[in-house]
Each structure stands twice: as C-alpha cells, then as structure tokens.
Amino acid sequence: MSKCEICGKNLSFFEDTGMIDGKKACNSCVLEAKKNRVVLQQDSQQESNVEASTQQVTAGFTLEPQVRQMVGLMGCVLLFIGVFMPLIRIPFIGDVNYLANGKGDGIIILVLAVVSLFLVLSKNYKGLYFTGLASAGLMIFTFINIQSRISDMKVSMNKSLAGNPFRGIADAAAHAVQIQWGWAFLILGVILLLIAAAANSEVKNDEG
C-alpha cells in the first residue's frame, strides 16, 4: 500500500490519486492544491488590476521633466507679477495692488514666489505644495478682507451721510469699487505651482 507523498495518508488501490509537483498525492491533496491555485490566480488578477489602475492615475499627472519645470517657472512668474497688478479699483483713488493694502500681504506673496522659484530650479517640486497653498490661503484671506472693508465702508457712509444731499454721489462711488484682473495672474500662478507639485516627471520604461 502506497502513501500520499504530501500528507502521508495511506492510499488504497481503488483511491483516486494525482501528481503535485512531481509527487504522488491523494485526491484530497489534489483538490486542495487546485483550490489554492485558483485563489492565487484570483489574487494575482486583482493585483494586476490595481497596478493597472494606479498606472493610469499616475499617467494622468505625468509631465516631461522640462514641461514640469516650465509649468513651475510660469507659476512663479505669474505669482510675482500678480503682486504688482491691480486687485481693486476705488473711485477717486484708482487701482490698488497687493503692495498697497497696508498689511504687507504683498511682501509675503513675493517671498513665496521667490521660494517657489528656488524650489523649481532645484527640482524640489513637492515643496510647491506649501508655497502654492500658502499663497492661495493668503489670497482668500485678502479677498474676504477686501469685501469686508467695502461692506463696512458702505454701512459707515449710510450712517454718516444720512440726510446729506450728496449721499447719492457717495453711494454711487461706493458701488463703483471693482475687482480687477490682477487676481487672474495670482490665481493662475497658484494653479500652475500646484500642477507642477502634483505632476509626476518620471519616465516609465515598459521594456523587459
């Protein structure tokens, strides 16, 4: 009477047997081996699907190294220039840029633009997340602050000019305050910095 070379079970003459890696095996071991082989194939297929999905996502953010650097440089330039561009237009005063808001916010944006430039030139793109998001946060704060000041100014004028015959002119001047195109430079600059930070510039080689 022979034995299963896998589990050591005694094999009867009429019992079904099979081979596993060149070894004689009982029917139970053969079925178990087939079951494990199916599970391994399913796991392998799932891993392949996950890897393929990851590659597709990564490929969506892949840029050539030169293009990634160019995008980052453009973001730095637009952010720097945007500081000097008009953000709002006030009647009787004119255009006001980031350096004229009286709180030094424009200086901070300039510093962030210069830091971003060094990060791009040194190809430390992940650092652009910090400078880009910091610039975006400061811009949002400034925009909200401007809107708050305009609202406070209107309320103050309504109180101080109550009954004044020139109140209509003052109201018209208050409503004539306009947001200017300097914001477009700043917003686009931040977007380009974040794109450069999120992109993947590694060149993938599928050969082999």
Protein backbone atom coordinates (compact mmCIF):
# COMPACT_ATOMS: atom_id res chain seq x y z
CA MET A 1 0.00 0.00 0.00
CA SER A 2 1.46 3.36 -1.05
CA LYS A 3 1.26 6.65 0.76
CA CYS A 4 0.40 10.21 -0.27
CA GLU A 5 3.73 11.99 -0.53
CA ILE A 6 2.08 15.25 0.53
CA CYS A 7 0.09 14.38 3.66
CA GLY A 8 1.34 10.83 4.34
CA LYS A 9 -2.09 9.24 4.10
CA ASN A 10 -2.23 5.57 3.15
CA LEU A 11 -3.62 5.13 -0.34
CA SER A 12 -5.92 2.23 -1.20
CA PHE A 13 -5.71 0.52 -4.57
CA PHE A 14 -9.01 1.99 -5.77
CA GLU A 15 -8.50 5.54 -4.47
CA ASP A 16 -8.13 8.36 -6.96
CA THR A 17 -4.66 9.89 -6.94
CA GLY A 18 -2.84 12.64 -8.74
CA MET A 19 0.51 14.41 -9.00
CA ILE A 20 1.53 17.64 -7.27
CA ASP A 21 4.95 19.00 -8.23
CA GLY A 22 6.02 15.51 -9.29
CA LYS A 23 4.82 13.88 -6.08
CA LYS A 24 2.09 11.26 -5.81
CA ALA A 25 -0.86 12.73 -3.88
CA CYS A 26 -4.24 11.63 -2.60
CA ASN A 27 -7.46 13.04 -4.00
CA SER A 28 -7.90 15.42 -1.02
CA CYS A 29 -4.47 16.99 -1.52
CA VAL A 30 -5.06 17.30 -5.25
CA LEU A 31 -8.35 19.12 -4.71
CA GLU A 32 -6.76 21.38 -2.08
CA ALA A 33 -3.91 22.21 -4.44
CA LYS A 34 -6.35 23.08 -7.23
CA LYS A 35 -8.34 25.27 -4.85
CA ASN A 36 -5.22 27.13 -3.71
CA ARG A 37 -4.12 27.58 -7.33
CA VAL A 38 -7.46 29.21 -8.20
CA VAL A 39 -7.21 31.56 -5.20
CA LEU A 40 -3.66 32.53 -6.16
CA GLN A 41 -4.75 33.26 -9.73
CA GLN A 42 -7.62 35.45 -8.47
CA ASP A 43 -5.30 37.36 -6.12
CA SER A 44 -2.79 37.84 -8.93
CA GLN A 45 -5.51 39.15 -11.23
CA GLN A 46 -6.72 41.60 -8.57
CA GLU A 47 -3.15 42.84 -8.00
CA SER A 48 -2.73 43.30 -11.75
CA ASN A 49 -5.97 45.30 -11.94
CA VAL A 50 -4.92 47.51 -9.03
CA GLU A 51 -1.50 48.08 -10.56
CA ALA A 52 -3.04 48.94 -13.92
CA SER A 53 -5.43 51.41 -12.28
CA THR A 54 -2.57 53.01 -10.35
CA GLN A 55 -0.52 53.37 -13.53
CA GLN A 56 -3.46 55.02 -15.30
CA VAL A 57 -3.93 57.53 -12.47
CA THR A 58 -0.20 58.24 -12.34
CA ALA A 59 -0.06 58.65 -16.10
CA GLY A 60 -2.77 61.30 -15.86
CA PHE A 61 -0.36 63.50 -13.87
CA THR A 62 2.81 62.67 -15.76
CA LEU A 63 4.70 65.52 -17.40
CA GLU A 64 8.03 65.58 -19.16
CA PRO A 65 10.72 66.97 -16.81
CA GLN A 66 11.23 70.06 -18.98
CA VAL A 67 7.49 70.71 -19.19
CA ARG A 68 7.06 70.28 -15.44
CA GLN A 69 9.83 72.76 -14.77
CA MET A 70 8.40 75.21 -17.30
CA VAL A 71 4.96 74.99 -15.65
CA GLY A 72 6.53 75.69 -12.27
CA LEU A 73 8.54 78.64 -13.61
CA MET A 74 5.44 80.15 -15.22
CA GLY A 75 3.60 79.81 -11.92
CA CYS A 76 6.40 81.66 -10.11
CA VAL A 77 6.44 84.46 -12.68
CA LEU A 78 2.65 84.93 -12.67
CA LEU A 79 2.55 84.94 -8.87
CA PHE A 80 5.36 87.52 -8.75
CA ILE A 81 3.82 89.76 -11.41
CA GLY A 82 0.35 89.47 -9.88
CA VAL A 83 1.53 91.29 -6.76
CA PHE A 84 2.07 94.44 -8.84
CA MET A 85 -1.14 94.12 -10.86
CA PRO A 86 -4.34 95.97 -9.77
CA LEU A 87 -6.59 94.00 -7.45
CA ILE A 88 -9.34 96.56 -6.91
CA ARG A 89 -10.31 99.96 -8.38
CA ILE A 90 -11.55 102.61 -5.99
CA PRO A 91 -13.20 105.81 -7.30
CA PHE A 92 -11.12 108.97 -6.79
CA ILE A 93 -8.16 106.78 -5.70
CA GLY A 94 -7.54 104.48 -8.64
CA ASP A 95 -6.17 100.97 -8.88
CA VAL A 96 -4.79 99.30 -5.76
CA ASN A 97 -2.39 96.34 -5.90
CA TYR A 98 -1.19 93.86 -3.29
CA LEU A 99 1.61 96.13 -2.11
CA ALA A 100 -0.84 98.93 -1.30
CA ASN A 101 -3.15 97.10 1.08
CA GLY A 102 -1.18 98.31 4.08
CA LYS A 103 -0.66 94.95 5.75
CA GLY A 104 2.39 93.56 3.99
CA ASP A 105 0.47 90.68 2.42
CA GLY A 106 2.04 91.50 -0.93
CA ILE A 107 5.53 91.12 0.52
CA ILE A 108 4.62 87.65 1.78
CA ILE A 109 3.37 86.66 -1.69
CA LEU A 110 6.63 87.95 -3.20
CA VAL A 111 8.66 85.88 -0.74
CA LEU A 112 6.58 82.79 -1.52
CA ALA A 113 7.10 83.39 -5.26
CA VAL A 114 10.89 83.62 -4.78
CA VAL A 115 10.94 80.50 -2.59
CA SER A 116 8.88 78.71 -5.25
CA LEU A 117 11.45 79.74 -7.87
CA PHE A 118 14.29 78.16 -5.87
CA LEU A 119 12.21 75.00 -5.37
CA VAL A 120 11.54 74.72 -9.11
CA LEU A 121 15.18 75.33 -10.07
CA SER A 122 16.32 72.72 -7.53
CA LYS A 123 13.56 70.37 -8.77
CA ASN A 124 12.13 70.05 -5.26
CA TYR A 125 8.61 70.15 -6.64
CA LYS A 126 6.82 68.74 -3.60
CA GLY A 127 7.76 71.90 -1.71
CA LEU A 128 5.50 73.80 -4.10
CA TYR A 129 2.53 72.35 -2.22
CA PHE A 130 3.47 74.56 0.72
CA THR A 131 4.15 77.75 -1.23
CA GLY A 132 1.15 77.25 -3.52
CA LEU A 133 -1.33 76.50 -0.76
CA ALA A 134 0.10 79.25 1.47
CA SER A 135 -0.32 81.77 -1.35
CA ALA A 136 -3.86 80.55 -2.02
CA GLY A 137 -4.76 80.85 1.66
CA LEU A 138 -3.37 84.37 1.88
CA MET A 139 -5.23 85.39 -1.28
CA ILE A 140 -8.51 84.05 0.09
CA PHE A 141 -7.92 85.95 3.34
CA THR A 142 -7.17 89.16 1.42
CA PHE A 143 -10.24 88.82 -0.80
CA ILE A 144 -12.52 88.27 2.20
CA ASN A 145 -10.88 91.20 3.97
CA ILE A 146 -11.45 93.48 0.97
CA GLN A 147 -15.09 92.50 0.74
CA SER A 148 -15.49 93.11 4.49
CA ARG A 149 -13.93 96.57 4.22
CA ILE A 150 -16.17 97.51 1.32
CA SER A 151 -19.22 96.38 3.28
CA ASP A 152 -18.10 98.32 6.39
CA MET A 153 -17.48 101.41 4.27
CA LYS A 154 -20.99 101.29 2.85
CA VAL A 155 -22.53 100.93 6.30
CA SER A 156 -20.43 103.79 7.64
CA MET A 157 -21.41 106.06 4.75
CA ASN A 158 -25.08 105.29 5.22
CA LYS A 159 -24.84 106.38 8.83
CA SER A 160 -22.65 109.46 8.39
CA LEU A 161 -24.39 110.78 5.27
CA ALA A 162 -27.97 110.27 6.40
CA GLY A 163 -29.95 113.26 5.14
CA ASN A 164 -26.97 114.64 3.21
CA PRO A 165 -27.90 115.82 -0.32
CA PHE A 166 -24.65 114.35 -1.66
CA ARG A 167 -25.40 110.91 -0.33
CA GLY A 168 -26.36 109.64 -3.80
CA ILE A 169 -22.92 110.51 -5.16
CA ALA A 170 -21.25 108.76 -2.24
CA ASP A 171 -23.41 105.67 -2.73
CA ALA A 172 -22.55 105.57 -6.41
CA ALA A 173 -18.85 105.84 -5.58
CA ALA A 174 -19.12 103.01 -3.05
CA HIS A 175 -20.84 100.73 -5.55
CA ALA A 176 -18.24 101.61 -8.19
CA VAL A 177 -15.49 99.73 -6.34
CA GLN A 178 -14.48 96.93 -8.72
CA ILE A 179 -12.40 93.76 -8.54
CA GLN A 180 -9.59 93.96 -11.11
CA TRP A 181 -7.74 91.48 -13.31
CA GLY A 182 -4.69 91.17 -11.06
CA TRP A 183 -6.46 88.31 -9.34
CA ALA A 184 -6.28 86.29 -12.57
CA PHE A 185 -2.46 86.41 -12.50
CA LEU A 186 -2.34 85.32 -8.87
CA ILE A 187 -4.89 82.52 -9.21
CA LEU A 188 -3.31 81.13 -12.39
CA GLY A 189 0.12 81.29 -10.77
CA VAL A 190 -1.07 79.25 -7.80
CA ILE A 191 -2.76 76.70 -10.07
CA LEU A 192 0.42 76.19 -12.11
CA LEU A 193 2.50 75.75 -8.95
CA LEU A 194 0.14 73.08 -7.66
CA ILE A 195 0.12 71.32 -11.05
CA ALA A 196 3.93 71.23 -11.00
CA ALA A 197 3.82 69.87 -7.43
CA ALA A 198 1.28 67.15 -8.23
CA ALA A 199 2.75 66.06 -11.56
CA ASN A 200 4.99 63.04 -11.98
CA SER A 201 8.02 63.64 -14.21
CA GLU A 202 9.46 60.12 -14.00
CA VAL A 203 9.88 58.49 -17.39
CA LYS A 204 8.50 54.94 -17.24
CA ASN A 205 10.21 52.20 -19.22
CA ASP A 206 7.93 49.26 -20.01
CA GLU A 207 10.61 47.22 -21.79
CA GLY A 208 11.53 43.97 -20.10
